PDB file of N, CA and C in Angstrom:
ATOM      1  N   MET A   1       0.844  -1.167   0.000  1.00  0.00           N
ATOM      2  CA  MET A   1       0.000   0.000   0.000  1.00  0.00           C
ATOM      3  C   MET A   1       0.893   1.234   0.000  1.00  0.00           C
ATOM      4  N   THR A   2       0.665   2.161  -0.934  1.00  0.00           N
ATOM      5  CA  THR A   2       1.451   3.387  -1.028  1.00  0.00           C
ATOM      6  C   THR A   2       0.633   4.551  -0.499  1.00  0.00           C
ATOM      7  N   LEU A   3       1.225   5.315   0.421  1.00  0.00           N
ATOM      8  CA  LEU A   3       0.544   6.417   1.080  1.00  0.00           C
ATOM      9  C   LEU A   3       1.394   7.678   1.032  1.00  0.00           C
ATOM     10  N   SER A   4       0.770   8.818   1.277  1.00  0.00           N
ATOM     11  CA  SER A   4       1.475  10.096   1.338  1.00  0.00           C
ATOM     12  C   SER A   4       1.541  10.586   2.771  1.00  0.00           C
ATOM     13  N   GLY A   5       2.648  11.243   3.098  1.00  0.00           N
ATOM     14  CA  GLY A   5       2.815  11.811   4.431  1.00  0.00           C
ATOM     15  C   GLY A   5       3.966  12.786   4.437  1.00  0.00           C
ATOM     16  N   ASN A   6       4.381  13.178   5.632  1.00  0.00           N
ATOM     17  CA  ASN A   6       5.506  14.095   5.813  1.00  0.00           C
ATOM     18  C   ASN A   6       6.485  13.514   6.815  1.00  0.00           C
ATOM     19  N   ILE A   7       7.767  13.772   6.592  1.00  0.00           N
ATOM     20  CA  ILE A   7       8.789  13.364   7.555  1.00  0.00           C
ATOM     21  C   ILE A   7       8.514  14.130   8.847  1.00  0.00           C
ATOM     22  N   SER A   8       8.363  13.412   9.960  1.00  0.00           N
ATOM     23  CA  SER A   8       8.075  14.075  11.234  1.00  0.00           C
ATOM     24  C   SER A   8       9.294  14.128  12.158  1.00  0.00           C
ATOM     25  N   LYS A   9      10.163  13.124  12.065  1.00  0.00           N
ATOM     26  CA  LYS A   9      11.362  13.076  12.915  1.00  0.00           C
ATOM     27  C   LYS A   9      12.472  12.363  12.163  1.00  0.00           C
ATOM     28  N   ILE A  10      13.710  12.824  12.382  1.00  0.00           N
ATOM     29  CA  ILE A  10      14.878  12.128  11.829  1.00  0.00           C
ATOM     30  C   ILE A  10      15.982  12.152  12.876  1.00  0.00           C
ATOM     31  N   ASN A  11      16.619  11.009  13.072  1.00  0.00           N
ATOM     32  CA  ASN A  11      17.809  10.925  13.910  1.00  0.00           C
ATOM     33  C   ASN A  11      18.941  10.486  12.984  1.00  0.00           C
ATOM     34  N   SER A  12      19.682  11.466  12.466  1.00  0.00           N
ATOM     35  CA  SER A  12      20.748  11.185  11.494  1.00  0.00           C
ATOM     36  C   SER A  12      21.866  10.340  12.089  1.00  0.00           C
ATOM     37  N   GLU A  13      22.174  10.571  13.360  1.00  0.00           N
ATOM     38  CA  GLU A  13      23.264   9.830  14.006  1.00  0.00           C
ATOM     39  C   GLU A  13      22.956   8.335  14.101  1.00  0.00           C
ATOM     40  N   LEU A  14      21.708   7.996  14.406  1.00  0.00           N
ATOM     41  CA  LEU A  14      21.336   6.593  14.564  1.00  0.00           C
ATOM     42  C   LEU A  14      20.734   5.996  13.288  1.00  0.00           C
ATOM     43  N   GLY A  15      20.428   6.846  12.297  1.00  0.00           N
ATOM     44  CA  GLY A  15      19.978   6.344  10.999  1.00  0.00           C
ATOM     45  C   GLY A  15      18.536   5.904  10.910  1.00  0.00           C
ATOM     46  N   TYR A  16      17.625   6.618  11.577  1.00  0.00           N
ATOM     47  CA  TYR A  16      16.210   6.264  11.467  1.00  0.00           C
ATOM     48  C   TYR A  16      15.352   7.521  11.546  1.00  0.00           C
ATOM     49  N   GLY A  17      14.075   7.368  11.238  1.00  0.00           N
ATOM     50  CA  GLY A  17      13.140   8.476  11.338  1.00  0.00           C
ATOM     51  C   GLY A  17      11.710   7.971  11.289  1.00  0.00           C
ATOM     52  N   PHE A  18      10.781   8.925  11.285  1.00  0.00           N
ATOM     53  CA  PHE A  18       9.363   8.609  11.247  1.00  0.00           C
ATOM     54  C   PHE A  18       8.655   9.495  10.232  1.00  0.00           C
ATOM     55  N   ILE A  19       7.623   8.937   9.630  1.00  0.00           N
ATOM     56  CA  ILE A  19       6.786   9.644   8.676  1.00  0.00           C
ATOM     57  C   ILE A  19       5.398   9.716   9.284  1.00  0.00           C
ATOM     58  N   GLN A  20       4.811  10.909   9.323  1.00  0.00           N
ATOM     59  CA  GLN A  20       3.442  11.069   9.812  1.00  0.00           C
ATOM     60  C   GLN A  20       2.496  10.932   8.631  1.00  0.00           C
ATOM     61  N   ILE A  21       1.601   9.952   8.712  1.00  0.00           N
ATOM     62  CA  ILE A  21       0.630   9.691   7.645  1.00  0.00           C
ATOM     63  C   ILE A  21      -0.770   9.884   8.226  1.00  0.00           C
ATOM     64  N   PRO A  22      -1.570  10.772   7.610  1.00  0.00           N
ATOM     65  CA  PRO A  22      -2.931  10.975   8.114  1.00  0.00           C
ATOM     66  C   PRO A  22      -3.707   9.660   8.186  1.00  0.00           C
ATOM     67  N   LYS A  23      -4.466   9.488   9.240  1.00  0.00           N
ATOM     68  CA  LYS A  23      -5.319   8.325   9.501  1.00  0.00           C
ATOM     69  C   LYS A  23      -4.558   7.025   9.725  1.00  0.00           C
ATOM     70  N   VAL A  24      -3.219   7.076   9.701  1.00  0.00           N
ATOM     71  CA  VAL A  24      -2.402   5.881   9.970  1.00  0.00           C
ATOM     72  C   VAL A  24      -1.554   6.115  11.211  1.00  0.00           C
ATOM     73  N   GLY A  25      -0.939   7.294  11.289  1.00  0.00           N
ATOM     74  CA  GLY A  25      -0.041   7.604  12.392  1.00  0.00           C
ATOM     75  C   GLY A  25       1.390   7.618  11.906  1.00  0.00           C
ATOM     76  N   GLU A  26       2.304   7.320  12.809  1.00  0.00           N
ATOM     77  CA  GLU A  26       3.724   7.366  12.457  1.00  0.00           C
ATOM     78  C   GLU A  26       4.199   6.023  11.907  1.00  0.00           C
ATOM     79  N   VAL A  27       4.991   6.128  10.847  1.00  0.00           N
ATOM     80  CA  VAL A  27       5.579   4.962  10.192  1.00  0.00           C
ATOM     81  C   VAL A  27       7.095   5.092  10.302  1.00  0.00           C
ATOM     82  N   PHE A  28       7.739   4.040  10.757  1.00  0.00           N
ATOM     83  CA  PHE A  28       9.191   4.000  10.947  1.00  0.00           C
ATOM     84  C   PHE A  28       9.906   3.803   9.621  1.00  0.00           C
ATOM     85  N   PHE A  29      11.057   4.480   9.437  1.00  0.00           N
ATOM     86  CA  PHE A  29      11.958   4.186   8.321  1.00  0.00           C
ATOM     87  C   PHE A  29      13.392   4.281   8.820  1.00  0.00           C
ATOM     88  N   SER A  30      14.314   3.673   8.081  1.00  0.00           N
ATOM     89  CA  SER A  30      15.718   3.675   8.475  1.00  0.00           C
ATOM     90  C   SER A  30      16.602   3.748   7.236  1.00  0.00           C
ATOM     91  N   LYS A  31      17.903   3.772   7.461  1.00  0.00           N
ATOM     92  CA  LYS A  31      18.846   3.774   6.334  1.00  0.00           C
ATOM     93  C   LYS A  31      18.698   2.520   5.482  1.00  0.00           C
ATOM     94  N   GLU A  32      18.133   1.451   6.047  1.00  0.00           N
ATOM     95  CA  GLU A  32      17.949   0.204   5.301  1.00  0.00           C
ATOM     96  C   GLU A  32      16.706   0.228   4.410  1.00  0.00           C
ATOM     97  N   THR A  33      15.842   1.239   4.568  1.00  0.00           N
ATOM     98  CA  THR A  33      14.667   1.382   3.716  1.00  0.00           C
ATOM     99  C   THR A  33      15.134   1.613   2.281  1.00  0.00           C
ATOM    100  N   LYS A  34      14.393   1.090   1.302  1.00  0.00           N
ATOM    101  CA  LYS A  34      14.712   1.354  -0.102  1.00  0.00           C
ATOM    102  C   LYS A  34      14.253   2.761  -0.447  1.00  0.00           C
ATOM    103  N   PHE A  35      15.130   3.534  -1.089  1.00  0.00           N
ATOM    104  CA  PHE A  35      14.823   4.912  -1.460  1.00  0.00           C
ATOM    105  C   PHE A  35      14.778   5.027  -2.973  1.00  0.00           C
ATOM    106  N   ASP A  36      13.764   5.733  -3.470  1.00  0.00           N
ATOM    107  CA  ASP A  36      13.596   5.936  -4.906  1.00  0.00           C
ATOM    108  C   ASP A  36      13.769   7.418  -5.218  1.00  0.00           C
ATOM    109  N   GLY A  37      14.859   7.776  -5.893  1.00  0.00           N
ATOM    110  CA  GLY A  37      15.092   9.157  -6.288  1.00  0.00           C
ATOM    111  C   GLY A  37      15.639  10.050  -5.193  1.00  0.00           C
ATOM    112  N   THR A  38      15.939   9.508  -4.048  1.00  0.00           N
ATOM    113  CA  THR A  38      16.522  10.267  -2.944  1.00  0.00           C
ATOM    114  C   THR A  38      17.360   9.307  -2.099  1.00  0.00           C
ATOM    115  N   HIS A  39      17.870   9.775  -0.988  1.00  0.00           N
ATOM    116  CA  HIS A  39      18.615   8.931  -0.058  1.00  0.00           C
ATOM    117  C   HIS A  39      18.378   9.457   1.350  1.00  0.00           C
ATOM    118  N   PHE A  40      18.719   8.676   2.336  1.00  0.00           N
ATOM    119  CA  PHE A  40      18.453   9.021   3.735  1.00  0.00           C
ATOM    120  C   PHE A  40      19.014  10.395   4.086  1.00  0.00           C
ATOM    121  N   GLU A  41      20.246  10.656   3.700  1.00  0.00           N
ATOM    122  CA  GLU A  41      20.912  11.910   4.060  1.00  0.00           C
ATOM    123  C   GLU A  41      20.256  13.128   3.413  1.00  0.00           C
ATOM    124  N   GLY A  42      19.471  12.940   2.355  1.00  0.00           N
ATOM    125  CA  GLY A  42      18.828  14.050   1.671  1.00  0.00           C
ATOM    126  C   GLY A  42      17.471  14.428   2.242  1.00  0.00           C
ATOM    127  N   LEU A  43      16.993  13.714   3.247  1.00  0.00           N
ATOM    128  CA  LEU A  43      15.667  13.981   3.808  1.00  0.00           C
ATOM    129  C   LEU A  43      15.725  14.984   4.947  1.00  0.00           C
ATOM    130  N   LYS A  44      14.650  15.799   5.049  1.00  0.00           N
ATOM    131  CA  LYS A  44      14.531  16.780   6.126  1.00  0.00           C
ATOM    132  C   LYS A  44      13.134  16.673   6.742  1.00  0.00           C
ATOM    133  N   VAL A  45      13.012  17.123   7.979  1.00  0.00           N
ATOM    134  CA  VAL A  45      11.708  17.173   8.632  1.00  0.00           C
ATOM    135  C   VAL A  45      10.768  18.035   7.793  1.00  0.00           C
ATOM    136  N   ASN A  46       9.538  17.598   7.665  1.00  0.00           N
ATOM    137  CA  ASN A  46       8.458  18.230   6.892  1.00  0.00           C
ATOM    138  C   ASN A  46       8.512  17.949   5.400  1.00  0.00           C
ATOM    139  N   ASP A  47       9.517  17.229   4.898  1.00  0.00           N
ATOM    140  CA  ASP A  47       9.523  16.857   3.480  1.00  0.00           C
ATOM    141  C   ASP A  47       8.299  15.993   3.184  1.00  0.00           C
ATOM    142  N   PRO A  48       7.561  16.306   2.096  1.00  0.00           N
ATOM    143  CA  PRO A  48       6.456  15.439   1.704  1.00  0.00           C
ATOM    144  C   PRO A  48       7.002  14.192   1.015  1.00  0.00           C
ATOM    145  N   VAL A  49       6.482  13.032   1.371  1.00  0.00           N
ATOM    146  CA  VAL A  49       6.982  11.775   0.808  1.00  0.00           C
ATOM    147  C   VAL A  49       5.833  10.853   0.424  1.00  0.00           C
ATOM    148  N   ARG A  50       6.132   9.916  -0.468  1.00  0.00           N
ATOM    149  CA  ARG A  50       5.255   8.785  -0.798  1.00  0.00           C
ATOM    150  C   ARG A  50       5.959   7.573  -0.228  1.00  0.00           C
ATOM    151  N   VAL A  51       5.207   6.699   0.385  1.00  0.00           N
ATOM    152  CA  VAL A  51       5.822   5.577   1.080  1.00  0.00           C
ATOM    153  C   VAL A  51       4.982   4.312   0.924  1.00  0.00           C
ATOM    154  N   SER A  52       5.665   3.192   0.685  1.00  0.00           N
ATOM    155  CA  SER A  52       5.016   1.879   0.712  1.00  0.00           C
ATOM    156  C   SER A  52       5.173   1.351   2.128  1.00  0.00           C
ATOM    157  N   VAL A  53       4.058   0.988   2.740  1.00  0.00           N
ATOM    158  CA  VAL A  53       4.054   0.583   4.143  1.00  0.00           C
ATOM    159  C   VAL A  53       3.857  -0.921   4.251  1.00  0.00           C
ATOM    160  N   THR A  54       4.688  -1.545   5.074  1.00  0.00           N
ATOM    161  CA  THR A  54       4.571  -2.962   5.393  1.00  0.00           C
ATOM    162  C   THR A  54       4.278  -3.081   6.882  1.00  0.00           C
ATOM    163  N   GLU A  55       3.282  -3.844   7.227  1.00  0.00           N
ATOM    164  CA  GLU A  55       2.949  -4.051   8.640  1.00  0.00           C
ATOM    165  C   GLU A  55       3.864  -5.149   9.189  1.00  0.00           C
ATOM    166  N   THR A  56       4.542  -4.853  10.296  1.00  0.00           N
ATOM    167  CA  THR A  56       5.418  -5.834  10.934  1.00  0.00           C
ATOM    168  C   THR A  56       4.919  -6.082  12.357  1.00  0.00           C
ATOM    169  N   ASP A  57       5.527  -7.032  13.047  1.00  0.00           N
ATOM    170  CA  ASP A  57       5.133  -7.294  14.432  1.00  0.00           C
ATOM    171  C   ASP A  57       5.502  -6.139  15.359  1.00  0.00           C
ATOM    172  N   ARG A  58       6.336  -5.211  14.874  1.00  0.00           N
ATOM    173  CA  ARG A  58       6.728  -4.041  15.662  1.00  0.00           C
ATOM    174  C   ARG A  58       6.009  -2.777  15.204  1.00  0.00           C
ATOM    175  N   GLY A  59       5.069  -2.913  14.262  1.00  0.00           N
ATOM    176  CA  GLY A  59       4.319  -1.759  13.768  1.00  0.00           C
ATOM    177  C   GLY A  59       4.598  -1.497  12.305  1.00  0.00           C
ATOM    178  N   PRO A  60       4.045  -0.417  11.759  1.00  0.00           N
ATOM    179  CA  PRO A  60       4.221  -0.120  10.333  1.00  0.00           C
ATOM    180  C   PRO A  60       5.655   0.301  10.016  1.00  0.00           C
ATOM    181  N   PHE A  61       6.172  -0.217   8.900  1.00  0.00           N
ATOM    182  CA  PHE A  61       7.542   0.058   8.459  1.00  0.00           C
ATOM    183  C   PHE A  61       7.511   0.505   7.001  1.00  0.00           C
ATOM    184  N   ALA A  62       8.282   1.534   6.668  1.00  0.00           N
ATOM    185  CA  ALA A  62       8.389   2.016   5.289  1.00  0.00           C
ATOM    186  C   ALA A  62       9.322   1.091   4.515  1.00  0.00           C
ATOM    187  N   SER A  63       8.774   0.356   3.553  1.00  0.00           N
ATOM    188  CA  SER A  63       9.610  -0.542   2.762  1.00  0.00           C
ATOM    189  C   SER A  63      10.173   0.150   1.526  1.00  0.00           C
ATOM    190  N   MET A  64       9.517   1.229   1.059  1.00  0.00           N
ATOM    191  CA  MET A  64       9.999   2.028  -0.077  1.00  0.00           C
ATOM    192  C   MET A  64       9.589   3.462   0.174  1.00  0.00           C
ATOM    193  N   LEU A  65      10.504   4.415  -0.051  1.00  0.00           N
ATOM    194  CA  LEU A  65      10.232   5.811   0.221  1.00  0.00           C
ATOM    195  C   LEU A  65      10.727   6.673  -0.927  1.00  0.00           C
ATOM    196  N   SER A  66       9.919   7.647  -1.351  1.00  0.00           N
ATOM    197  CA  SER A  66      10.340   8.614  -2.365  1.00  0.00           C
ATOM    198  C   SER A  66       9.774   9.974  -2.004  1.00  0.00           C
ATOM    199  N   LEU A  67      10.449  11.026  -2.443  1.00  0.00           N
ATOM    200  CA  LEU A  67       9.935  12.374  -2.230  1.00  0.00           C
ATOM    201  C   LEU A  67       8.721  12.583  -3.111  1.00  0.00           C
ATOM    202  N   SER A  68       7.706  13.260  -2.585  1.00  0.00           N
ATOM    203  CA  SER A  68       6.534  13.594  -3.389  1.00  0.00           C
ATOM    204  C   SER A  68       6.905  14.714  -4.342  1.00  0.00           C
ATOM    205  N   PRO A  69       6.353  14.684  -5.554  1.00  0.00           N
ATOM    206  CA  PRO A  69       6.632  15.782  -6.480  1.00  0.00           C
ATOM    207  C   PRO A  69       6.091  17.087  -5.914  1.00  0.00           C
ATOM    208  N   LYS A  70       6.782  18.183  -6.234  1.00  0.00           N
ATOM    209  CA  LYS A  70       6.328  19.497  -5.792  1.00  0.00           C
ATOM    210  C   LYS A  70       4.964  19.776  -6.399  1.00  0.00           C
ATOM    211  N   LYS A  71       4.113  20.412  -5.633  1.00  0.00           N
ATOM    212  CA  LYS A  71       2.795  20.753  -6.159  1.00  0.00           C
ATOM    213  C   LYS A  71       2.943  21.871  -7.180  1.00  0.00           C
ATOM    214  N   ILE A  72       2.324  21.689  -8.322  1.00  0.00           N
ATOM    215  CA  ILE A  72       2.369  22.673  -9.392  1.00  0.00           C
ATOM    216  C   ILE A  72       1.104  23.524  -9.291  1.00  0.00           C
ATOM    217  N   PRO A  73       1.254  24.865  -9.295  1.00  0.00           N
ATOM    218  CA  PRO A  73       0.069  25.701  -9.213  1.00  0.00           C
ATOM    219  C   PRO A  73      -0.877  25.420 -10.368  1.00  0.00           C
ATOM    220  N   THR A  74      -2.183  25.430 -10.083  1.00  0.00           N
ATOM    221  CA  THR A  74      -3.159  25.147 -11.113  1.00  0.00           C
ATOM    222  C   THR A  74      -3.443  26.376 -11.976  1.00  0.00           C
ATOM    223  N   ARG A  75      -3.058  27.563 -11.519  1.00  0.00           N
ATOM    224  CA  ARG A  75      -3.220  28.759 -12.328  1.00  0.00           C
ATOM    225  C   ARG A  75      -2.072  29.708 -12.027  1.00  0.00           C
ATOM    226  N   ALA A  76      -1.847  30.632 -12.924  1.00  0.00           N
ATOM    227  CA  ALA A  76      -0.768  31.607 -12.741  1.00  0.00           C
ATOM    228  C   ALA A  76      -1.119  32.552 -11.596  1.00  0.00           C
ATOM    229  N   PRO A  77      -0.117  33.010 -10.854  1.00  0.00           N
ATOM    230  CA  PRO A  77      -0.394  33.951  -9.757  1.00  0.00           C
ATOM    231  C   PRO A  77      -0.906  35.276 -10.322  1.00  0.00           C
ATOM    232  N   ASP A  78      -1.710  35.989  -9.516  1.00  0.00           N
ATOM    233  CA  ASP A  78      -2.242  37.285  -9.915  1.00  0.00           C
ATOM    234  C   ASP A  78      -1.152  38.320  -9.730  1.00  0.00           C
ATOM    235  N   LEU A  79      -0.658  38.891 -10.801  1.00  0.00           N
ATOM    236  CA  LEU A  79       0.429  39.874 -10.765  1.00  0.00           C
ATOM    237  C   LEU A  79      -0.072  41.295 -10.965  1.00  0.00           C
ATOM    238  N   SER A  80      -1.390  41.495 -10.985  1.00  0.00           N
ATOM    239  CA  SER A  80      -1.912  42.843 -11.192  1.00  0.00           C
ATOM    240  C   SER A  80      -1.580  43.725  -9.995  1.00  0.00           C
ATOM    241  N   VAL A  81      -1.340  45.002 -10.283  1.00  0.00           N
ATOM    242  CA  VAL A  81      -0.946  45.946  -9.227  1.00  0.00           C
ATOM    243  C   VAL A  81      -2.056  46.923  -8.973  1.00  0.00           C
TER     244      VAL A  81
END
């Protein structure tokens, strides 16, 4: 199952973090998680991500993680003065 969320916590020294996913809660990820188009060191708190979640006996785990594409504005900004 692939879901969207935001990085909520990262511990760079120990190599793990959490992703906050609405209606699911926090999902654990680590340096051992598979990354698509990014890497552990490139992630920051509040980054939007897409994540494949696997349920384990210790709770939900991110088995694949990628950065979400930037949202593209649906219309041009109003530049009138």
